[in-house]
Protein backbone atom coordinates (compact mmCIF):
# COMPACT_ATOMS: atom_id res chain seq x y z
CA MET A 1 32.43 -96.91 64.45
CA ALA A 2 33.67 -94.64 61.66
CA VAL A 3 33.85 -90.94 62.44
CA ARG A 4 32.22 -88.75 59.83
CA ARG A 5 34.36 -85.74 58.98
CA ARG A 6 32.62 -82.43 58.65
CA ARG A 7 33.37 -80.63 55.38
CA SER A 8 35.28 -77.42 56.09
CA ALA A 9 33.96 -74.18 54.64
CA PRO A 10 35.65 -73.16 51.37
CA LYS A 11 37.92 -70.13 51.33
CA ALA A 12 36.71 -66.91 49.70
CA GLU A 13 38.83 -67.62 46.61
CA GLU A 14 37.42 -71.14 46.33
CA LEU A 15 33.88 -69.84 46.63
CA ALA A 16 34.66 -67.31 43.90
CA LEU A 17 35.94 -70.20 41.76
CA LEU A 18 32.69 -72.11 42.24
CA ARG A 19 30.70 -69.01 41.20
CA LEU A 20 32.94 -68.58 38.17
CA LEU A 21 32.37 -72.17 37.07
CA ALA A 22 28.62 -71.94 37.67
CA LEU A 23 28.43 -68.84 35.47
CA ALA A 24 30.36 -70.76 32.80
CA GLY A 25 27.75 -73.53 32.87
CA ALA A 26 29.49 -76.15 35.03
CA ASP A 27 26.25 -76.64 36.95
CA ARG A 28 24.74 -78.22 33.81
CA ALA A 29 27.65 -79.77 31.89
CA PRO A 30 31.43 -80.15 32.22
CA VAL A 31 33.44 -77.01 31.44
CA VAL A 32 36.82 -77.48 29.71
CA VAL A 33 39.38 -75.02 31.04
CA SER A 34 43.00 -74.83 32.19
CA SER A 35 44.30 -73.88 35.63
CA ARG A 36 46.11 -70.95 34.01
CA GLU A 37 42.86 -69.59 32.56
CA ILE A 38 41.15 -69.93 35.93
CA GLY A 39 44.05 -68.18 37.64
CA GLU A 40 43.85 -65.25 35.20
CA LYS A 41 40.13 -64.81 35.83
CA LEU A 42 40.56 -65.00 39.60
CA GLY A 43 43.68 -62.82 39.64
CA VAL A 44 45.88 -65.52 41.18
CA SER A 45 48.75 -67.68 39.99
CA GLN A 46 48.27 -70.89 38.05
CA GLN A 47 49.64 -72.83 41.02
CA ALA A 48 47.19 -71.21 43.42
CA ALA A 49 44.28 -71.93 41.05
CA ASP A 50 45.34 -75.55 40.80
CA ASN A 51 45.55 -75.81 44.59
CA TYR A 52 41.97 -74.50 44.85
CA LEU A 53 40.79 -77.06 42.31
CA VAL A 54 42.51 -79.91 44.15
CA ARG A 55 40.95 -78.88 47.47
CA LEU A 56 37.45 -78.41 46.01
CA ALA A 57 37.65 -81.83 44.36
CA GLY A 58 38.92 -83.37 47.59
CA THR A 59 36.02 -81.95 49.60
CA GLY A 60 33.40 -83.21 47.13
CA LEU A 61 32.44 -79.84 45.70
CA LEU A 62 33.97 -80.36 42.28
CA SER A 63 34.21 -83.19 39.78
CA ARG A 64 37.55 -82.98 37.96
CA ALA A 65 38.81 -84.99 34.96
CA LEU A 66 42.33 -84.19 33.78
CA GLY A 67 43.32 -84.25 30.11
CA GLY A 68 46.45 -82.59 28.76
CA ARG A 69 46.76 -78.94 29.69
CA LYS A 70 43.05 -78.56 30.23
CA GLN A 71 40.52 -80.34 32.43
CA GLN A 72 36.81 -81.01 32.60
CA LEU A 73 35.19 -79.44 35.64
CA SER A 74 31.64 -80.00 36.92
CA LEU A 75 29.93 -78.71 40.05
CA THR A 76 28.58 -81.41 42.34
CA PRO A 77 25.16 -81.24 44.06
CA ALA A 78 26.99 -80.23 47.25
CA ALA A 79 28.51 -77.25 45.44
CA LEU A 80 25.14 -76.18 44.08
CA GLU A 81 23.68 -76.42 47.58
CA LEU A 82 26.49 -74.23 48.88
CA LEU A 83 25.87 -71.63 46.18
CA ARG A 84 22.14 -71.67 46.94
CA ARG A 85 22.89 -70.86 50.58
CA GLU A 86 25.17 -68.03 49.50
CA TYR A 87 22.46 -66.69 47.20
CA HIS A 88 19.91 -66.80 49.98
CA ALA A 89 22.21 -64.94 52.39
CA TYR A 90 22.72 -62.09 49.89
CA ARG A 91 19.04 -62.06 48.94
CA ARG A 92 18.13 -61.59 52.59
CA ILE A 93 20.67 -58.75 52.98
CA PHE A 94 19.24 -56.78 50.07
CA GLU A 95 15.58 -57.85 50.08
CA GLY A 96 14.87 -58.72 53.71
CA PRO A 97 13.22 -61.86 55.16
CA GLY A 98 11.42 -64.12 52.71
CA HIS A 99 7.64 -64.25 52.37
CA LEU A 100 5.78 -66.78 50.27
CA ARG A 101 2.19 -67.62 49.39
CA MET A 102 1.22 -71.07 48.18
CA ARG A 103 -1.81 -73.30 47.86
CA GLY A 104 -2.11 -76.99 48.58
CA HIS A 105 -4.61 -79.71 49.43
CA VAL A 106 -5.15 -81.44 52.75
CA VAL A 107 -4.14 -85.11 52.86
CA SER A 108 -4.06 -87.75 55.58
CA GLY A 109 -0.76 -88.80 57.10
CA LEU A 110 0.36 -92.09 58.62
CA GLY A 111 -0.19 -90.96 62.20
CA GLU A 112 3.54 -90.55 62.86
CA GLY A 113 3.14 -86.89 63.83
CA ARG A 114 1.16 -87.78 66.95
CA TYR A 115 3.94 -90.07 68.18
CA TYR A 116 6.77 -87.64 67.55
CA LEU A 117 5.04 -84.50 68.81
CA SER A 118 4.25 -86.29 72.06
CA GLN A 119 7.92 -86.95 72.86
CA PRO A 120 8.99 -84.93 75.94
CA GLY A 121 12.24 -83.91 74.24
CA TYR A 122 10.22 -82.13 71.55
CA VAL A 123 7.42 -80.87 73.81
CA VAL A 124 9.85 -78.95 76.05
CA GLN A 125 11.57 -77.30 73.08
CA PHE A 126 8.30 -76.32 71.41
CA ALA A 127 7.06 -74.72 74.62
CA GLU A 128 10.31 -72.79 75.12
CA ARG A 129 10.95 -71.75 71.52
CA LEU A 130 7.51 -71.47 69.92
CA GLY A 131 5.63 -70.45 73.03
CA TYR A 132 3.11 -73.28 72.94
CA THR A 133 2.69 -77.05 73.14
CA PRO A 134 1.48 -78.36 69.77
CA TYR A 135 -1.61 -80.45 69.38
CA PRO A 136 -0.30 -84.05 69.06
CA GLY A 137 -0.53 -84.39 65.31
CA THR A 138 0.31 -82.49 62.14
CA LEU A 139 -1.90 -81.20 59.36
CA ASN A 140 -0.45 -82.49 56.09
CA VAL A 141 -0.78 -80.42 52.93
CA LYS A 142 0.24 -81.78 49.54
CA LEU A 143 1.94 -79.39 47.12
CA GLY A 144 2.76 -79.59 43.44
CA GLY A 145 4.18 -77.62 40.52
CA GLU A 146 5.83 -74.29 41.34
CA ASP A 147 4.63 -74.44 44.94
CA LEU A 148 6.63 -77.62 45.45
CA VAL A 149 9.73 -75.88 44.07
CA ARG A 150 9.16 -73.01 46.53
CA LEU A 151 8.82 -75.45 49.42
CA ARG A 152 12.23 -76.94 48.63
CA ALA A 153 13.78 -73.48 48.56
CA ILE A 154 12.50 -72.72 52.07
CA LYS A 155 15.01 -75.15 53.58
CA ASP A 156 17.58 -72.33 53.33
CA TRP A 157 15.40 -69.92 55.32
CA SER A 158 16.17 -69.06 58.90
CA GLY A 159 13.59 -70.29 61.37
CA THR A 160 13.15 -71.63 64.88
CA ARG A 161 15.48 -74.55 65.45
CA ILE A 162 14.36 -77.73 67.23
CA ASP A 163 17.40 -79.76 68.25
CA PRO A 164 17.80 -83.55 68.00
CA PHE A 165 17.92 -85.58 71.21
CA GLU A 166 18.21 -89.13 72.48
CA ALA A 167 15.58 -90.99 74.50
CA SER A 168 14.81 -94.63 75.23
CA GLY A 169 17.89 -95.78 73.35
CA ARG A 170 17.07 -94.04 70.07
CA THR A 171 17.84 -90.73 68.40
CA PHE A 172 15.10 -88.27 67.48
CA GLY A 173 16.04 -85.90 64.65
CA GLY A 174 15.98 -82.14 64.64
CA ALA A 175 13.72 -79.82 62.67
CA LYS A 176 13.14 -76.21 61.68
CA CYS A 177 9.87 -74.36 62.27
CA VAL A 178 8.74 -71.49 60.04
CA ALA A 179 6.00 -69.05 61.05
CA SER A 180 2.96 -69.70 58.86
CA ARG A 181 -0.73 -69.09 58.30
CA LEU A 182 -3.25 -71.55 56.90
CA ASN A 183 -6.34 -69.79 55.58
CA GLY A 184 -5.26 -66.87 57.78
CA ARG A 185 -4.83 -68.96 60.95
CA ALA A 186 -1.44 -68.77 62.72
CA CYS A 187 0.61 -71.97 62.92
CA HIS A 188 4.10 -73.26 62.05
CA LEU A 189 5.48 -75.25 59.16
CA ILE A 190 7.71 -77.95 60.63
CA MET A 191 10.53 -79.21 58.43
CA PRO A 192 12.26 -82.31 59.83
CA ASP A 193 15.94 -82.71 59.03
CA ARG A 194 15.11 -86.16 57.66
CA THR A 195 11.88 -86.81 55.79
CA HIS A 196 10.62 -89.12 53.05
CA HIS A 197 7.70 -86.87 52.11
CA GLN A 198 9.21 -84.38 49.66
CA ASP A 199 5.85 -83.07 48.40
CA ILE A 200 4.14 -82.80 51.79
CA ALA A 201 4.20 -79.74 54.06
CA GLU A 202 3.46 -80.47 57.72
CA PHE A 203 1.95 -77.86 60.02
CA ILE A 204 1.67 -77.70 63.80
CA SER A 205 -0.42 -75.53 66.06
CA PRO A 206 -1.67 -75.50 69.66
CA GLU A 207 -5.09 -76.41 68.28
CA PHE A 208 -6.48 -79.24 66.16
CA LEU A 209 -6.04 -77.61 62.76
CA ARG A 210 -8.47 -79.79 60.84
CA GLY A 211 -11.22 -78.80 63.22
CA ALA A 212 -10.19 -75.16 63.53
CA LEU A 213 -10.10 -74.77 59.74
CA SER A 214 -13.08 -77.07 59.08
CA VAL A 215 -11.18 -78.93 56.36
CA GLN A 216 -11.12 -82.52 55.16
CA ASP A 217 -8.92 -84.48 52.77
CA LEU A 218 -8.56 -82.84 49.32
CA ASP A 219 -9.85 -79.47 50.58
CA PRO A 220 -7.66 -76.56 49.35
CA VAL A 221 -5.80 -74.37 51.82
CA ASP A 222 -3.99 -71.06 51.32
CA ILE A 223 -0.52 -70.99 52.86
CA GLU A 224 1.53 -67.97 53.93
CA LEU A 225 5.10 -68.44 55.10
CA GLN A 226 7.22 -65.79 56.83
CA GLU A 227 10.94 -66.10 57.43
CA SER A 228 12.09 -65.08 60.90
C-alpha cells in the first residue's frame, strides 16, 4: 500500500512569496516574472528566490512554466487554501472569534445521520466533548447564495474536534462541531471531514430538533454560528 506523504509547512519566506504572487493576480491568471524580480521584492538573492519557487512547485502549491529568463507562475487551489487559513488566523487575532447569521430551509436527508450518530465511537466523543449524547439523526438545512459561501468559509474556524476511528473493519471519518442556534435553540453544526452535500448544513442536538422547533421540510430557519 502506498504511503501518502504529508505536505510540509512552507517557510516564512515561501509564504511571503505566495502572498506576493496572490497580490500580483496569480490566484486568477498566470503572472510572468523572473526569479531576480521576485528576489528583489522579497529582499533575497535570485538563487534563494529560485529555490523557493522550486520547492513550492514541488509541494503542489505553485504551477510553474519556464520560458527564457522569465516564467509563468500560478497559485494552485492548495496554495489558495493555505492563504485562506493564514487570513483566518490573522482575522481571529485582530477581530476575535467569528460569528455568523444565516437563513436556510429544512430538507429531508437520506437517514445516514441516524446510523452514524449511533456509532459508539462517536457517541463517547460527543458525550465527552460536547457534554451530551445527540439525538440519533441530524436536522438538514439547505443553504444558497451568500449563505452558502459563508458556510464554506466556516471550515477554517476552530471548533470541537471529533476524531476518526475504526470499528467492525471499517473507518469512520472525523468531523468538527461548531456551537450554533437554530431559531434561538442551542445545538451544534457538524461538519464531516468528508461529505458530498456541499449546500447542506447538518445540525445535532440532544433533542429531536424537528419536533423542538416545530418545523417541516421547506420551513425557514434562522441560524447563528459562534466560533469557539
